[in-house]
Amino acid sequence: MNGNVISALRLCLVALGLGTLFGQAVYVPVAAYQSAEVYPELAYLAVPYAAAVIVVLACVQTALVAVWKLLAMVEQRWIFDPRSVRWVDLIIVAAAVATVVTVGTVTHLIGWVGVGGPFALVMQAVSLVGGLGFVLLMVVMRGLLRSATVLQVEMAEVI
């Protein structure tokens, strides 16, 4: 793989990682505080909903670390090592947890709290379909990686 592509991807991963850290440390707590001031009747939800967003961002960070490790394996030509499947599994788990937390939080907002309106319904649908679609895509990619790993091992035995 082209070294420039790997460097560019690593730069993107670092930028995304720093952005999520900023979100967890600064943006989410400030937004939660401001929302509690604007909607005092829903102030009791500021902390649990902020915690949910922080968990989702932690899932993104986990997936970024897994992508970084997979990228290092590609660079060293070890991507068809059976250990690479574990990193894909980590991405799948992180995406599934993020999807469940997001859909669960929006479901709580709509169903139990009774607010959110049409935007919340759209967000719930997009989160469910997008998250589930991504998880299923990663499951397919894991299957392809496993197949390629088996083929690589068989070819190494022949040679």
N, C-alpha and C. Protein backbone atom coordinates (compact mmCIF):
# COMPACT_ATOMS: atom_id res chain seq x y z
N MET A 1 0.85 -1.18 0.00
CA MET A 1 0.00 0.00 0.00
C MET A 1 0.89 1.24 0.00
N ASN A 2 0.42 2.26 -0.64
CA ASN A 2 1.15 3.52 -0.78
C ASN A 2 1.40 4.16 0.59
N GLY A 3 2.64 4.56 0.85
CA GLY A 3 3.00 5.19 2.12
C GLY A 3 2.28 6.49 2.35
N ASN A 4 1.99 7.23 1.27
CA ASN A 4 1.27 8.50 1.41
C ASN A 4 -0.16 8.27 1.89
N VAL A 5 -0.77 7.20 1.39
CA VAL A 5 -2.13 6.88 1.80
C VAL A 5 -2.15 6.51 3.29
N ILE A 6 -1.20 5.71 3.71
CA ILE A 6 -1.12 5.32 5.12
C ILE A 6 -0.89 6.53 6.01
N SER A 7 0.00 7.43 5.58
CA SER A 7 0.26 8.64 6.37
C SER A 7 -0.98 9.53 6.45
N ALA A 8 -1.69 9.67 5.33
CA ALA A 8 -2.90 10.49 5.31
C ALA A 8 -3.97 9.89 6.20
N LEU A 9 -4.12 8.57 6.16
CA LEU A 9 -5.12 7.92 7.00
C LEU A 9 -4.76 8.06 8.48
N ARG A 10 -3.48 7.93 8.80
CA ARG A 10 -3.07 8.11 10.20
C ARG A 10 -3.35 9.54 10.67
N LEU A 11 -3.11 10.51 9.81
CA LEU A 11 -3.41 11.90 10.15
C LEU A 11 -4.90 12.07 10.42
N CYS A 12 -5.73 11.47 9.59
CA CYS A 12 -7.18 11.53 9.81
C CYS A 12 -7.58 10.86 11.12
N LEU A 13 -6.98 9.72 11.41
CA LEU A 13 -7.29 9.02 12.66
C LEU A 13 -6.92 9.86 13.88
N VAL A 14 -5.77 10.51 13.81
CA VAL A 14 -5.34 11.38 14.91
C VAL A 14 -6.31 12.55 15.07
N ALA A 15 -6.69 13.17 13.95
CA ALA A 15 -7.63 14.30 14.01
C ALA A 15 -8.97 13.87 14.59
N LEU A 16 -9.48 12.73 14.15
CA LEU A 16 -10.74 12.23 14.70
C LEU A 16 -10.61 11.90 16.18
N GLY A 17 -9.50 11.30 16.57
CA GLY A 17 -9.28 10.97 17.98
C GLY A 17 -9.23 12.21 18.85
N LEU A 18 -8.51 13.23 18.38
CA LEU A 18 -8.44 14.48 19.15
C LEU A 18 -9.80 15.17 19.20
N GLY A 19 -10.54 15.10 18.11
CA GLY A 19 -11.88 15.69 18.09
C GLY A 19 -12.82 15.01 19.08
N THR A 20 -12.76 13.68 19.15
CA THR A 20 -13.62 12.99 20.11
C THR A 20 -13.20 13.27 21.55
N LEU A 21 -11.90 13.37 21.77
CA LEU A 21 -11.43 13.72 23.13
C LEU A 21 -11.91 15.11 23.54
N PHE A 22 -11.83 16.07 22.60
CA PHE A 22 -12.33 17.42 22.88
C PHE A 22 -13.83 17.37 23.17
N GLY A 23 -14.55 16.58 22.38
CA GLY A 23 -15.99 16.45 22.60
C GLY A 23 -16.30 15.90 23.98
N GLN A 24 -15.58 14.86 24.38
CA GLN A 24 -15.82 14.26 25.70
C GLN A 24 -15.46 15.20 26.84
N ALA A 25 -14.35 15.89 26.71
CA ALA A 25 -13.84 16.70 27.81
C ALA A 25 -14.48 18.08 27.91
N VAL A 26 -14.84 18.66 26.76
CA VAL A 26 -15.29 20.05 26.76
C VAL A 26 -16.71 20.20 26.23
N TYR A 27 -16.92 19.80 25.00
CA TYR A 27 -18.18 20.12 24.32
C TYR A 27 -19.40 19.48 24.98
N VAL A 28 -19.34 18.19 25.24
CA VAL A 28 -20.50 17.49 25.80
C VAL A 28 -20.89 18.04 27.17
N PRO A 29 -19.94 18.20 28.11
CA PRO A 29 -20.35 18.77 29.40
C PRO A 29 -20.93 20.18 29.29
N VAL A 30 -20.33 21.02 28.43
CA VAL A 30 -20.84 22.39 28.26
C VAL A 30 -22.23 22.36 27.64
N ALA A 31 -22.42 21.54 26.61
CA ALA A 31 -23.73 21.45 25.96
C ALA A 31 -24.78 20.91 26.94
N ALA A 32 -24.41 19.94 27.76
CA ALA A 32 -25.36 19.40 28.74
C ALA A 32 -25.76 20.47 29.75
N TYR A 33 -24.79 21.25 30.22
CA TYR A 33 -25.07 22.32 31.17
C TYR A 33 -25.99 23.37 30.55
N GLN A 34 -25.68 23.77 29.32
CA GLN A 34 -26.50 24.78 28.65
C GLN A 34 -27.91 24.27 28.38
N SER A 35 -28.03 23.01 28.00
CA SER A 35 -29.36 22.44 27.76
C SER A 35 -30.17 22.39 29.05
N ALA A 36 -29.51 22.09 30.16
CA ALA A 36 -30.21 22.06 31.45
C ALA A 36 -30.69 23.46 31.84
N GLU A 37 -29.96 24.49 31.47
CA GLU A 37 -30.39 25.86 31.75
C GLU A 37 -31.56 26.28 30.87
N VAL A 38 -31.51 25.90 29.59
CA VAL A 38 -32.56 26.29 28.65
C VAL A 38 -33.86 25.52 28.91
N TYR A 39 -33.73 24.23 29.26
CA TYR A 39 -34.90 23.39 29.52
C TYR A 39 -34.84 22.85 30.95
N PRO A 40 -35.15 23.68 31.93
CA PRO A 40 -35.01 23.24 33.33
C PRO A 40 -35.91 22.05 33.69
N GLU A 41 -37.01 21.88 32.97
CA GLU A 41 -37.89 20.74 33.25
C GLU A 41 -37.25 19.40 32.84
N LEU A 42 -36.21 19.46 32.01
CA LEU A 42 -35.50 18.26 31.58
C LEU A 42 -34.06 18.22 32.10
N ALA A 43 -33.75 19.07 33.06
CA ALA A 43 -32.39 19.17 33.58
C ALA A 43 -31.90 17.85 34.18
N TYR A 44 -32.81 17.04 34.70
CA TYR A 44 -32.42 15.77 35.29
C TYR A 44 -31.85 14.80 34.25
N LEU A 45 -32.07 15.07 32.96
CA LEU A 45 -31.55 14.21 31.90
C LEU A 45 -30.17 14.62 31.40
N ALA A 46 -29.69 15.77 31.84
CA ALA A 46 -28.42 16.28 31.32
C ALA A 46 -27.26 15.32 31.60
N VAL A 47 -27.15 14.83 32.80
CA VAL A 47 -26.03 13.95 33.14
C VAL A 47 -26.14 12.59 32.45
N PRO A 48 -27.29 11.90 32.52
CA PRO A 48 -27.33 10.58 31.85
C PRO A 48 -27.19 10.67 30.33
N TYR A 49 -27.77 11.70 29.72
CA TYR A 49 -27.64 11.82 28.27
C TYR A 49 -26.21 12.22 27.88
N ALA A 50 -25.57 13.06 28.68
CA ALA A 50 -24.17 13.39 28.43
C ALA A 50 -23.30 12.15 28.58
N ALA A 51 -23.60 11.33 29.56
CA ALA A 51 -22.85 10.07 29.74
C ALA A 51 -23.04 9.16 28.53
N ALA A 52 -24.25 9.12 27.99
CA ALA A 52 -24.51 8.30 26.80
C ALA A 52 -23.67 8.78 25.61
N VAL A 53 -23.59 10.09 25.43
CA VAL A 53 -22.80 10.64 24.33
C VAL A 53 -21.32 10.34 24.55
N ILE A 54 -20.86 10.44 25.78
CA ILE A 54 -19.46 10.14 26.09
C ILE A 54 -19.15 8.66 25.82
N VAL A 55 -20.09 7.78 26.12
CA VAL A 55 -19.89 6.35 25.83
C VAL A 55 -19.81 6.12 24.32
N VAL A 56 -20.69 6.77 23.56
CA VAL A 56 -20.65 6.63 22.10
C VAL A 56 -19.31 7.14 21.56
N LEU A 57 -18.84 8.26 22.06
CA LEU A 57 -17.53 8.78 21.62
C LEU A 57 -16.39 7.83 22.01
N ALA A 58 -16.51 7.18 23.17
CA ALA A 58 -15.50 6.19 23.56
C ALA A 58 -15.52 5.00 22.61
N CYS A 59 -16.69 4.63 22.13
CA CYS A 59 -16.79 3.56 21.13
C CYS A 59 -16.10 3.96 19.83
N VAL A 60 -16.27 5.21 19.43
CA VAL A 60 -15.59 5.71 18.24
C VAL A 60 -14.08 5.66 18.44
N GLN A 61 -13.62 6.08 19.61
CA GLN A 61 -12.18 6.04 19.90
C GLN A 61 -11.65 4.61 19.87
N THR A 62 -12.41 3.68 20.40
CA THR A 62 -12.02 2.27 20.37
C THR A 62 -11.87 1.78 18.94
N ALA A 63 -12.83 2.13 18.10
CA ALA A 63 -12.76 1.73 16.69
C ALA A 63 -11.57 2.39 15.99
N LEU A 64 -11.26 3.63 16.34
CA LEU A 64 -10.11 4.31 15.75
C LEU A 64 -8.81 3.60 16.11
N VAL A 65 -8.69 3.16 17.35
CA VAL A 65 -7.49 2.42 17.77
C VAL A 65 -7.40 1.10 17.00
N ALA A 66 -8.52 0.42 16.83
CA ALA A 66 -8.52 -0.84 16.09
C ALA A 66 -8.12 -0.62 14.63
N VAL A 67 -8.62 0.45 14.02
CA VAL A 67 -8.24 0.76 12.64
C VAL A 67 -6.74 1.07 12.57
N TRP A 68 -6.22 1.80 13.56
CA TRP A 68 -4.80 2.11 13.59
C TRP A 68 -3.97 0.81 13.63
N LYS A 69 -4.39 -0.13 14.49
CA LYS A 69 -3.67 -1.40 14.59
C LYS A 69 -3.76 -2.19 13.29
N LEU A 70 -4.93 -2.20 12.67
CA LEU A 70 -5.08 -2.89 11.39
C LEU A 70 -4.21 -2.24 10.32
N LEU A 71 -4.15 -0.93 10.34
CA LEU A 71 -3.31 -0.21 9.38
C LEU A 71 -1.84 -0.57 9.58
N ALA A 72 -1.41 -0.69 10.82
CA ALA A 72 -0.03 -1.10 11.10
C ALA A 72 0.21 -2.51 10.58
N MET A 73 -0.78 -3.38 10.71
CA MET A 73 -0.64 -4.75 10.19
C MET A 73 -0.56 -4.76 8.67
N VAL A 74 -1.32 -3.88 8.03
CA VAL A 74 -1.24 -3.76 6.57
C VAL A 74 0.15 -3.29 6.17
N GLU A 75 0.65 -2.30 6.87
CA GLU A 75 1.96 -1.73 6.56
C GLU A 75 3.08 -2.77 6.70
N GLN A 76 2.94 -3.65 7.68
CA GLN A 76 3.96 -4.67 7.91
C GLN A 76 3.66 -5.97 7.16
N ARG A 77 2.61 -5.94 6.35
CA ARG A 77 2.18 -7.10 5.56
C ARG A 77 1.79 -8.30 6.44
N TRP A 78 1.19 -8.00 7.59
CA TRP A 78 0.70 -9.03 8.49
C TRP A 78 -0.82 -9.06 8.54
N ILE A 79 -1.48 -8.41 7.62
CA ILE A 79 -2.94 -8.28 7.69
C ILE A 79 -3.64 -9.64 7.63
N PHE A 80 -3.01 -10.62 6.98
CA PHE A 80 -3.65 -11.93 6.88
C PHE A 80 -3.25 -12.86 8.03
N ASP A 81 -2.78 -12.28 9.09
CA ASP A 81 -2.50 -13.01 10.32
C ASP A 81 -3.83 -13.18 11.06
N PRO A 82 -4.06 -14.35 11.65
CA PRO A 82 -5.32 -14.57 12.38
C PRO A 82 -5.60 -13.53 13.48
N ARG A 83 -4.55 -12.88 13.99
CA ARG A 83 -4.75 -11.86 15.04
C ARG A 83 -5.50 -10.64 14.53
N SER A 84 -5.47 -10.41 13.22
CA SER A 84 -6.14 -9.23 12.67
C SER A 84 -7.65 -9.31 12.84
N VAL A 85 -8.19 -10.52 12.89
CA VAL A 85 -9.64 -10.69 13.04
C VAL A 85 -10.11 -10.13 14.38
N ARG A 86 -9.28 -10.21 15.40
CA ARG A 86 -9.65 -9.68 16.72
C ARG A 86 -9.89 -8.17 16.67
N TRP A 87 -9.09 -7.47 15.85
CA TRP A 87 -9.26 -6.02 15.75
C TRP A 87 -10.55 -5.69 15.02
N VAL A 88 -10.91 -6.49 14.04
CA VAL A 88 -12.19 -6.28 13.35
C VAL A 88 -13.34 -6.59 14.31
N ASP A 89 -13.18 -7.64 15.12
CA ASP A 89 -14.20 -7.95 16.14
C ASP A 89 -14.39 -6.77 17.09
N LEU A 90 -13.30 -6.11 17.46
CA LEU A 90 -13.39 -4.95 18.35
C LEU A 90 -14.18 -3.82 17.69
N ILE A 91 -13.96 -3.60 16.41
CA ILE A 91 -14.73 -2.59 15.68
C ILE A 91 -16.21 -2.95 15.69
N ILE A 92 -16.52 -4.21 15.47
CA ILE A 92 -17.92 -4.67 15.46
C ILE A 92 -18.57 -4.43 16.82
N VAL A 93 -17.89 -4.79 17.89
CA VAL A 93 -18.45 -4.61 19.24
C VAL A 93 -18.64 -3.12 19.54
N ALA A 94 -17.64 -2.31 19.21
CA ALA A 94 -17.75 -0.87 19.47
C ALA A 94 -18.92 -0.27 18.69
N ALA A 95 -19.07 -0.65 17.45
CA ALA A 95 -20.18 -0.12 16.63
C ALA A 95 -21.54 -0.59 17.17
N ALA A 96 -21.61 -1.85 17.60
CA ALA A 96 -22.86 -2.36 18.15
C ALA A 96 -23.23 -1.64 19.44
N VAL A 97 -22.26 -1.43 20.32
CA VAL A 97 -22.52 -0.72 21.58
C VAL A 97 -22.96 0.71 21.29
N ALA A 98 -22.27 1.39 20.39
CA ALA A 98 -22.64 2.77 20.05
C ALA A 98 -24.05 2.83 19.48
N THR A 99 -24.40 1.86 18.65
CA THR A 99 -25.75 1.84 18.06
C THR A 99 -26.80 1.61 19.13
N VAL A 100 -26.57 0.65 20.01
CA VAL A 100 -27.55 0.36 21.07
C VAL A 100 -27.72 1.55 22.00
N VAL A 101 -26.61 2.18 22.39
CA VAL A 101 -26.69 3.34 23.29
C VAL A 101 -27.44 4.49 22.61
N THR A 102 -27.11 4.76 21.35
CA THR A 102 -27.76 5.87 20.64
C THR A 102 -29.26 5.61 20.46
N VAL A 103 -29.60 4.45 19.95
CA VAL A 103 -31.02 4.13 19.72
C VAL A 103 -31.77 4.06 21.05
N GLY A 104 -31.13 3.50 22.07
CA GLY A 104 -31.77 3.44 23.39
C GLY A 104 -32.02 4.81 23.99
N THR A 105 -31.05 5.71 23.83
CA THR A 105 -31.20 7.06 24.37
C THR A 105 -32.32 7.81 23.64
N VAL A 106 -32.34 7.71 22.33
CA VAL A 106 -33.39 8.41 21.56
C VAL A 106 -34.76 7.78 21.83
N THR A 107 -34.79 6.46 21.99
CA THR A 107 -36.06 5.79 22.33
C THR A 107 -36.56 6.28 23.68
N HIS A 108 -35.65 6.43 24.64
CA HIS A 108 -36.04 6.97 25.94
C HIS A 108 -36.57 8.39 25.80
N LEU A 109 -35.88 9.20 25.01
CA LEU A 109 -36.29 10.59 24.81
C LEU A 109 -37.69 10.67 24.22
N ILE A 110 -37.96 9.85 23.22
CA ILE A 110 -39.26 9.89 22.54
C ILE A 110 -40.34 9.19 23.36
N GLY A 111 -40.03 7.95 23.80
CA GLY A 111 -41.05 7.12 24.42
C GLY A 111 -41.37 7.45 25.86
N TRP A 112 -40.36 7.69 26.67
CA TRP A 112 -40.60 7.92 28.10
C TRP A 112 -40.70 9.39 28.46
N VAL A 113 -39.84 10.18 27.87
CA VAL A 113 -39.85 11.61 28.19
C VAL A 113 -40.93 12.32 27.38
N GLY A 114 -41.15 11.86 26.15
CA GLY A 114 -42.21 12.42 25.31
C GLY A 114 -41.83 13.70 24.60
N VAL A 115 -40.54 13.89 24.30
CA VAL A 115 -40.11 15.08 23.56
C VAL A 115 -39.22 14.64 22.40
N GLY A 116 -38.89 15.58 21.57
CA GLY A 116 -37.98 15.29 20.47
C GLY A 116 -38.57 15.56 19.12
N GLY A 117 -39.85 15.26 18.95
CA GLY A 117 -40.52 15.54 17.69
C GLY A 117 -40.00 14.72 16.52
N PRO A 118 -40.31 15.19 15.32
CA PRO A 118 -39.94 14.45 14.10
C PRO A 118 -38.43 14.28 13.94
N PHE A 119 -37.65 15.26 14.36
CA PHE A 119 -36.20 15.15 14.22
C PHE A 119 -35.67 13.96 15.01
N ALA A 120 -36.21 13.74 16.20
CA ALA A 120 -35.76 12.62 17.02
C ALA A 120 -36.13 11.29 16.37
N LEU A 121 -37.28 11.23 15.75
CA LEU A 121 -37.67 10.00 15.05
C LEU A 121 -36.73 9.72 13.87
N VAL A 122 -36.40 10.77 13.14
CA VAL A 122 -35.47 10.60 12.01
C VAL A 122 -34.10 10.18 12.54
N MET A 123 -33.65 10.81 13.62
CA MET A 123 -32.36 10.45 14.21
C MET A 123 -32.36 9.00 14.69
N GLN A 124 -33.47 8.57 15.25
CA GLN A 124 -33.57 7.20 15.71
C GLN A 124 -33.49 6.23 14.53
N ALA A 125 -34.21 6.52 13.46
CA ALA A 125 -34.20 5.65 12.29
C ALA A 125 -32.82 5.61 11.64
N VAL A 126 -32.20 6.77 11.48
CA VAL A 126 -30.87 6.83 10.87
C VAL A 126 -29.86 6.11 11.74
N SER A 127 -29.94 6.28 13.05
CA SER A 127 -29.01 5.60 13.96
C SER A 127 -29.18 4.09 13.88
N LEU A 128 -30.41 3.64 13.85
CA LEU A 128 -30.67 2.21 13.81
C LEU A 128 -30.22 1.60 12.49
N VAL A 129 -30.65 2.17 11.38
CA VAL A 129 -30.32 1.62 10.07
C VAL A 129 -28.82 1.79 9.78
N GLY A 130 -28.29 2.97 10.06
CA GLY A 130 -26.87 3.21 9.81
C GLY A 130 -25.98 2.35 10.69
N GLY A 131 -26.28 2.28 11.97
CA GLY A 131 -25.48 1.48 12.89
C GLY A 131 -25.56 0.00 12.58
N LEU A 132 -26.77 -0.50 12.35
CA LEU A 132 -26.94 -1.91 12.01
C LEU A 132 -26.27 -2.23 10.68
N GLY A 133 -26.42 -1.33 9.71
CA GLY A 133 -25.77 -1.54 8.41
C GLY A 133 -24.26 -1.59 8.54
N PHE A 134 -23.68 -0.71 9.35
CA PHE A 134 -22.23 -0.71 9.54
C PHE A 134 -21.77 -1.99 10.23
N VAL A 135 -22.49 -2.41 11.26
CA VAL A 135 -22.14 -3.64 11.97
C VAL A 135 -22.18 -4.83 11.01
N LEU A 136 -23.24 -4.92 10.21
CA LEU A 136 -23.35 -6.03 9.26
C LEU A 136 -22.25 -5.97 8.20
N LEU A 137 -21.90 -4.78 7.74
CA LEU A 137 -20.80 -4.62 6.80
C LEU A 137 -19.49 -5.13 7.40
N MET A 138 -19.25 -4.79 8.65
CA MET A 138 -18.03 -5.25 9.31
C MET A 138 -18.03 -6.76 9.51
N VAL A 139 -19.20 -7.35 9.74
CA VAL A 139 -19.29 -8.81 9.85
C VAL A 139 -18.91 -9.46 8.52
N VAL A 140 -19.39 -8.89 7.42
CA VAL A 140 -19.02 -9.38 6.09
C VAL A 140 -17.52 -9.22 5.86
N MET A 141 -16.98 -8.06 6.23
CA MET A 141 -15.54 -7.82 6.06
C MET A 141 -14.71 -8.79 6.91
N ARG A 142 -15.21 -9.10 8.10
CA ARG A 142 -14.51 -10.07 8.94
C ARG A 142 -14.50 -11.44 8.27
N GLY A 143 -15.62 -11.82 7.68
CA GLY A 143 -15.67 -13.09 6.96
C GLY A 143 -14.71 -13.12 5.78
N LEU A 144 -14.64 -12.02 5.05
CA LEU A 144 -13.69 -11.95 3.94
C LEU A 144 -12.25 -12.03 4.44
N LEU A 145 -11.96 -11.35 5.54
CA LEU A 145 -10.61 -11.39 6.10
C LEU A 145 -10.26 -12.80 6.55
N ARG A 146 -11.21 -13.49 7.18
CA ARG A 146 -10.95 -14.87 7.60
C ARG A 146 -10.67 -15.76 6.40
N SER A 147 -11.48 -15.62 5.35
CA SER A 147 -11.27 -16.43 4.14
C SER A 147 -9.90 -16.15 3.53
N ALA A 148 -9.53 -14.88 3.44
CA ALA A 148 -8.23 -14.51 2.88
C ALA A 148 -7.10 -15.03 3.76
N THR A 149 -7.30 -15.03 5.07
CA THR A 149 -6.27 -15.53 5.99
C THR A 149 -6.07 -17.02 5.79
N VAL A 150 -7.16 -17.77 5.64
CA VAL A 150 -7.06 -19.21 5.41
C VAL A 150 -6.34 -19.47 4.09
N LEU A 151 -6.69 -18.73 3.06
CA LEU A 151 -6.02 -18.90 1.76
C LEU A 151 -4.53 -18.58 1.85
N GLN A 152 -4.21 -17.53 2.59
CA GLN A 152 -2.79 -17.14 2.77
C GLN A 152 -2.02 -18.25 3.47
N VAL A 153 -2.61 -18.84 4.50
CA VAL A 153 -1.95 -19.92 5.24
C VAL A 153 -1.76 -21.13 4.33
N GLU A 154 -2.78 -21.45 3.54
CA GLU A 154 -2.67 -22.59 2.62
C GLU A 154 -1.59 -22.35 1.57
N MET A 155 -1.53 -21.14 1.04
CA MET A 155 -0.50 -20.82 0.04
C MET A 155 0.90 -20.89 0.65
N ALA A 156 1.03 -20.46 1.88
CA ALA A 156 2.33 -20.51 2.55
C ALA A 156 2.78 -21.96 2.74
N GLU A 157 1.84 -22.86 3.01
CA GLU A 157 2.16 -24.27 3.15
C GLU A 157 2.61 -24.88 1.83
N VAL A 158 1.97 -24.45 0.73
CA VAL A 158 2.31 -24.99 -0.59
C VAL A 158 3.69 -24.53 -1.00
N ILE A 159 4.00 -23.27 -0.73
CA ILE A 159 5.28 -22.70 -1.13
C ILE A 159 6.32 -23.18 -0.18
